[in-house]
Amino acid sequence: MASTSINPSTLLPLELVDKCIGSRIWVIMKNDKEIVGTLSGFDDYVNMVLEDVVEFENTPDGKKVTKLDTILLNGNHITMLVPGGEGPEV
């Protein structure tokens, strides 16, 4: 019979995001944007508040870099989160 006990070292996705609060995080979006900022908070839908943000966007004219103080990201548009990531190479 298979064991149904949970391994205490197992880390659930939202627990990992919670451990990233106050740290830098690299967010790769579904569109051509990547965002790096300090995670201030998030909810169950992974909507995120980031501070000291740098946004990297691929445009027909090349990469566009925008600096922002604070943003609210919609979790539906996030593809991947990289804790401690510093973003794409420029």
N, C-alpha and C. Protein backbone atom coordinates (compact mmCIF):
# COMPACT_ATOMS: atom_id res chain seq x y z
N MET A 1 0.85 -1.17 0.00
CA MET A 1 0.00 0.00 0.00
C MET A 1 0.90 1.23 0.00
N ALA A 2 0.52 2.24 -0.78
CA ALA A 2 1.30 3.47 -0.90
C ALA A 2 1.13 4.34 0.34
N SER A 3 2.20 4.97 0.72
CA SER A 3 2.15 5.85 1.88
C SER A 3 1.49 7.18 1.51
N THR A 4 0.61 7.66 2.35
CA THR A 4 -0.06 8.94 2.09
C THR A 4 0.49 10.06 2.95
N SER A 5 1.55 9.78 3.72
CA SER A 5 2.11 10.83 4.56
C SER A 5 2.86 11.85 3.69
N ILE A 6 2.91 13.06 4.17
CA ILE A 6 3.56 14.15 3.44
C ILE A 6 4.98 14.30 3.95
N ASN A 7 5.91 14.38 3.02
CA ASN A 7 7.32 14.59 3.37
C ASN A 7 7.46 15.98 3.99
N PRO A 8 7.99 16.10 5.20
CA PRO A 8 8.09 17.41 5.85
C PRO A 8 9.02 18.38 5.11
N SER A 9 9.89 17.86 4.24
CA SER A 9 10.78 18.74 3.49
C SER A 9 10.14 19.25 2.19
N THR A 10 8.91 18.79 1.90
CA THR A 10 8.21 19.24 0.70
C THR A 10 7.82 20.71 0.85
N LEU A 11 8.13 21.51 -0.16
CA LEU A 11 7.81 22.93 -0.14
C LEU A 11 6.74 23.21 -1.19
N LEU A 12 5.60 23.70 -0.78
CA LEU A 12 4.52 24.01 -1.71
C LEU A 12 4.83 25.31 -2.45
N PRO A 13 4.29 25.48 -3.67
CA PRO A 13 4.61 26.67 -4.47
C PRO A 13 4.37 27.99 -3.75
N LEU A 14 3.21 28.16 -3.12
CA LEU A 14 2.94 29.43 -2.44
C LEU A 14 3.83 29.63 -1.22
N GLU A 15 4.29 28.53 -0.62
CA GLU A 15 5.24 28.65 0.49
C GLU A 15 6.58 29.19 0.00
N LEU A 16 6.99 28.75 -1.19
CA LEU A 16 8.24 29.26 -1.77
C LEU A 16 8.11 30.74 -2.09
N VAL A 17 7.00 31.15 -2.67
CA VAL A 17 6.79 32.57 -2.97
C VAL A 17 6.78 33.37 -1.68
N ASP A 18 6.16 32.84 -0.63
CA ASP A 18 6.11 33.53 0.66
C ASP A 18 7.51 33.74 1.22
N LYS A 19 8.40 32.77 1.04
CA LYS A 19 9.78 32.90 1.51
C LYS A 19 10.54 33.98 0.75
N CYS A 20 10.04 34.37 -0.42
CA CYS A 20 10.71 35.37 -1.26
C CYS A 20 10.33 36.81 -0.89
N ILE A 21 9.36 37.00 -0.01
CA ILE A 21 8.95 38.36 0.37
C ILE A 21 10.16 39.09 0.95
N GLY A 22 10.39 40.28 0.43
CA GLY A 22 11.52 41.09 0.86
C GLY A 22 12.78 40.83 0.03
N SER A 23 12.72 39.86 -0.88
CA SER A 23 13.86 39.52 -1.72
C SER A 23 13.60 39.89 -3.17
N ARG A 24 14.67 39.93 -3.95
CA ARG A 24 14.55 40.19 -5.38
C ARG A 24 13.99 38.94 -6.06
N ILE A 25 13.15 39.17 -7.07
CA ILE A 25 12.55 38.07 -7.81
C ILE A 25 12.46 38.48 -9.28
N TRP A 26 12.71 37.54 -10.16
CA TRP A 26 12.64 37.74 -11.60
C TRP A 26 11.34 37.10 -12.07
N VAL A 27 10.48 37.90 -12.71
CA VAL A 27 9.18 37.43 -13.17
C VAL A 27 9.17 37.44 -14.69
N ILE A 28 8.92 36.28 -15.28
CA ILE A 28 8.82 36.17 -16.74
C ILE A 28 7.34 36.11 -17.07
N MET A 29 6.90 37.06 -17.89
CA MET A 29 5.49 37.21 -18.23
C MET A 29 5.15 36.43 -19.50
N LYS A 30 3.85 36.24 -19.77
CA LYS A 30 3.40 35.55 -20.96
C LYS A 30 3.68 36.34 -22.24
N ASN A 31 3.72 37.67 -22.12
CA ASN A 31 4.03 38.49 -23.29
C ASN A 31 5.54 38.65 -23.38
N ASP A 32 6.03 39.65 -24.04
CA ASP A 32 7.47 39.84 -24.24
C ASP A 32 8.10 40.68 -23.13
N LYS A 33 7.60 40.55 -21.90
CA LYS A 33 8.14 41.34 -20.78
C LYS A 33 8.74 40.43 -19.72
N GLU A 34 9.80 40.93 -19.11
CA GLU A 34 10.39 40.29 -17.94
C GLU A 34 10.58 41.39 -16.91
N ILE A 35 10.31 41.07 -15.66
CA ILE A 35 10.30 42.08 -14.61
C ILE A 35 11.15 41.58 -13.44
N VAL A 36 11.98 42.47 -12.91
CA VAL A 36 12.78 42.16 -11.73
C VAL A 36 12.44 43.20 -10.67
N GLY A 37 12.14 42.74 -9.46
CA GLY A 37 11.83 43.67 -8.39
C GLY A 37 11.87 42.98 -7.04
N THR A 38 11.67 43.76 -6.00
CA THR A 38 11.62 43.23 -4.65
C THR A 38 10.17 42.90 -4.32
N LEU A 39 9.91 41.65 -3.98
CA LEU A 39 8.55 41.20 -3.69
C LEU A 39 8.07 41.76 -2.36
N SER A 40 6.98 42.54 -2.40
CA SER A 40 6.40 43.11 -1.18
C SER A 40 5.25 42.26 -0.66
N GLY A 41 4.51 41.63 -1.57
CA GLY A 41 3.38 40.81 -1.16
C GLY A 41 2.73 40.14 -2.34
N PHE A 42 1.83 39.18 -2.05
CA PHE A 42 1.11 38.45 -3.08
C PHE A 42 -0.16 37.87 -2.45
N ASP A 43 -1.06 37.40 -3.32
CA ASP A 43 -2.28 36.75 -2.82
C ASP A 43 -2.37 35.33 -3.36
N ASP A 44 -3.49 34.66 -3.11
CA ASP A 44 -3.66 33.27 -3.54
C ASP A 44 -3.66 33.11 -5.05
N TYR A 45 -3.90 34.19 -5.80
CA TYR A 45 -3.90 34.14 -7.26
C TYR A 45 -2.53 34.53 -7.82
N VAL A 46 -1.57 34.71 -6.94
CA VAL A 46 -0.20 35.14 -7.26
C VAL A 46 -0.19 36.50 -7.94
N ASN A 47 -1.20 37.34 -7.67
CA ASN A 47 -1.08 38.75 -7.99
C ASN A 47 0.03 39.26 -7.08
N MET A 48 0.95 40.06 -7.60
CA MET A 48 2.13 40.43 -6.83
C MET A 48 2.32 41.93 -6.78
N VAL A 49 2.81 42.42 -5.64
CA VAL A 49 3.25 43.81 -5.50
C VAL A 49 4.78 43.77 -5.46
N LEU A 50 5.41 44.52 -6.39
CA LEU A 50 6.86 44.58 -6.47
C LEU A 50 7.31 46.02 -6.32
N GLU A 51 8.45 46.21 -5.67
CA GLU A 51 9.05 47.54 -5.50
C GLU A 51 10.43 47.55 -6.14
N ASP A 52 10.93 48.76 -6.43
CA ASP A 52 12.24 48.94 -7.07
C ASP A 52 12.34 48.05 -8.30
N VAL A 53 11.44 48.28 -9.24
CA VAL A 53 11.22 47.41 -10.39
C VAL A 53 12.01 47.86 -11.61
N VAL A 54 12.53 46.86 -12.35
CA VAL A 54 13.09 47.09 -13.67
C VAL A 54 12.33 46.18 -14.62
N GLU A 55 11.74 46.78 -15.66
CA GLU A 55 10.96 46.04 -16.65
C GLU A 55 11.76 45.95 -17.95
N PHE A 56 11.92 44.74 -18.46
CA PHE A 56 12.61 44.49 -19.72
C PHE A 56 11.57 44.07 -20.74
N GLU A 57 11.50 44.77 -21.87
CA GLU A 57 10.51 44.46 -22.89
C GLU A 57 11.20 44.33 -24.25
N ASN A 58 10.88 43.25 -24.95
CA ASN A 58 11.38 43.07 -26.31
C ASN A 58 10.45 43.78 -27.27
N THR A 59 10.98 44.74 -28.02
CA THR A 59 10.20 45.49 -28.99
C THR A 59 10.84 45.31 -30.36
N PRO A 60 10.16 45.70 -31.43
CA PRO A 60 10.77 45.62 -32.77
C PRO A 60 12.05 46.45 -32.87
N ASP A 61 12.18 47.48 -32.03
CA ASP A 61 13.37 48.33 -32.04
C ASP A 61 14.48 47.82 -31.13
N GLY A 62 14.26 46.70 -30.45
CA GLY A 62 15.25 46.15 -29.52
C GLY A 62 14.69 46.07 -28.12
N LYS A 63 15.57 45.90 -27.15
CA LYS A 63 15.12 45.80 -25.75
C LYS A 63 14.87 47.19 -25.18
N LYS A 64 13.75 47.31 -24.49
CA LYS A 64 13.39 48.55 -23.81
C LYS A 64 13.45 48.26 -22.30
N VAL A 65 14.15 49.12 -21.56
CA VAL A 65 14.29 48.95 -20.11
C VAL A 65 13.61 50.13 -19.43
N THR A 66 12.70 49.82 -18.51
CA THR A 66 11.95 50.86 -17.78
C THR A 66 12.11 50.61 -16.29
N LYS A 67 12.39 51.68 -15.54
CA LYS A 67 12.48 51.58 -14.08
C LYS A 67 11.22 52.17 -13.46
N LEU A 68 10.67 51.45 -12.48
CA LEU A 68 9.43 51.86 -11.82
C LEU A 68 9.59 51.71 -10.31
N ASP A 69 8.87 52.53 -9.53
CA ASP A 69 8.93 52.44 -8.07
C ASP A 69 8.18 51.22 -7.54
N THR A 70 6.89 51.14 -7.86
CA THR A 70 6.03 50.07 -7.34
C THR A 70 5.04 49.66 -8.42
N ILE A 71 4.80 48.34 -8.55
CA ILE A 71 3.80 47.87 -9.50
C ILE A 71 2.98 46.75 -8.87
N LEU A 72 1.80 46.53 -9.46
CA LEU A 72 0.94 45.41 -9.12
C LEU A 72 0.84 44.54 -10.36
N LEU A 73 1.28 43.29 -10.27
CA LEU A 73 1.22 42.37 -11.40
C LEU A 73 0.02 41.46 -11.27
N ASN A 74 -0.67 41.21 -12.38
CA ASN A 74 -1.77 40.27 -12.41
C ASN A 74 -1.19 38.86 -12.54
N GLY A 75 -1.50 37.99 -11.61
CA GLY A 75 -0.95 36.64 -11.62
C GLY A 75 -1.30 35.82 -12.84
N ASN A 76 -2.40 36.16 -13.54
CA ASN A 76 -2.78 35.42 -14.75
C ASN A 76 -1.78 35.58 -15.88
N HIS A 77 -0.95 36.60 -15.83
CA HIS A 77 -0.03 36.88 -16.92
C HIS A 77 1.40 36.42 -16.63
N ILE A 78 1.59 35.74 -15.51
CA ILE A 78 2.92 35.29 -15.12
C ILE A 78 3.16 33.88 -15.64
N THR A 79 4.33 33.70 -16.29
CA THR A 79 4.71 32.37 -16.77
C THR A 79 5.63 31.67 -15.78
N MET A 80 6.64 32.40 -15.26
CA MET A 80 7.62 31.78 -14.39
C MET A 80 8.18 32.78 -13.40
N LEU A 81 8.50 32.31 -12.20
CA LEU A 81 9.12 33.12 -11.17
C LEU A 81 10.51 32.54 -10.87
N VAL A 82 11.50 33.42 -10.77
CA VAL A 82 12.86 32.99 -10.47
C VAL A 82 13.32 33.72 -9.20
N PRO A 83 13.23 33.07 -8.04
CA PRO A 83 13.68 33.72 -6.81
C PRO A 83 15.16 34.07 -6.88
N GLY A 84 15.49 35.30 -6.50
CA GLY A 84 16.88 35.74 -6.52
C GLY A 84 17.41 36.09 -7.87
N GLY A 85 16.58 35.96 -8.90
CA GLY A 85 17.03 36.24 -10.27
C GLY A 85 17.24 37.73 -10.51
N GLU A 86 18.18 38.05 -11.36
CA GLU A 86 18.47 39.46 -11.68
C GLU A 86 18.02 39.84 -13.09
N GLY A 87 17.27 38.97 -13.74
CA GLY A 87 16.72 39.32 -15.03
C GLY A 87 17.58 38.91 -16.20
N PRO A 88 17.11 39.25 -17.40
CA PRO A 88 17.84 38.86 -18.60
C PRO A 88 19.10 39.66 -18.78
N GLU A 89 20.03 39.10 -19.51
CA GLU A 89 21.25 39.85 -19.84
C GLU A 89 20.87 40.91 -20.85
N VAL A 90 21.35 42.12 -20.62
CA VAL A 90 21.01 43.23 -21.52
C VAL A 90 22.09 43.38 -22.56
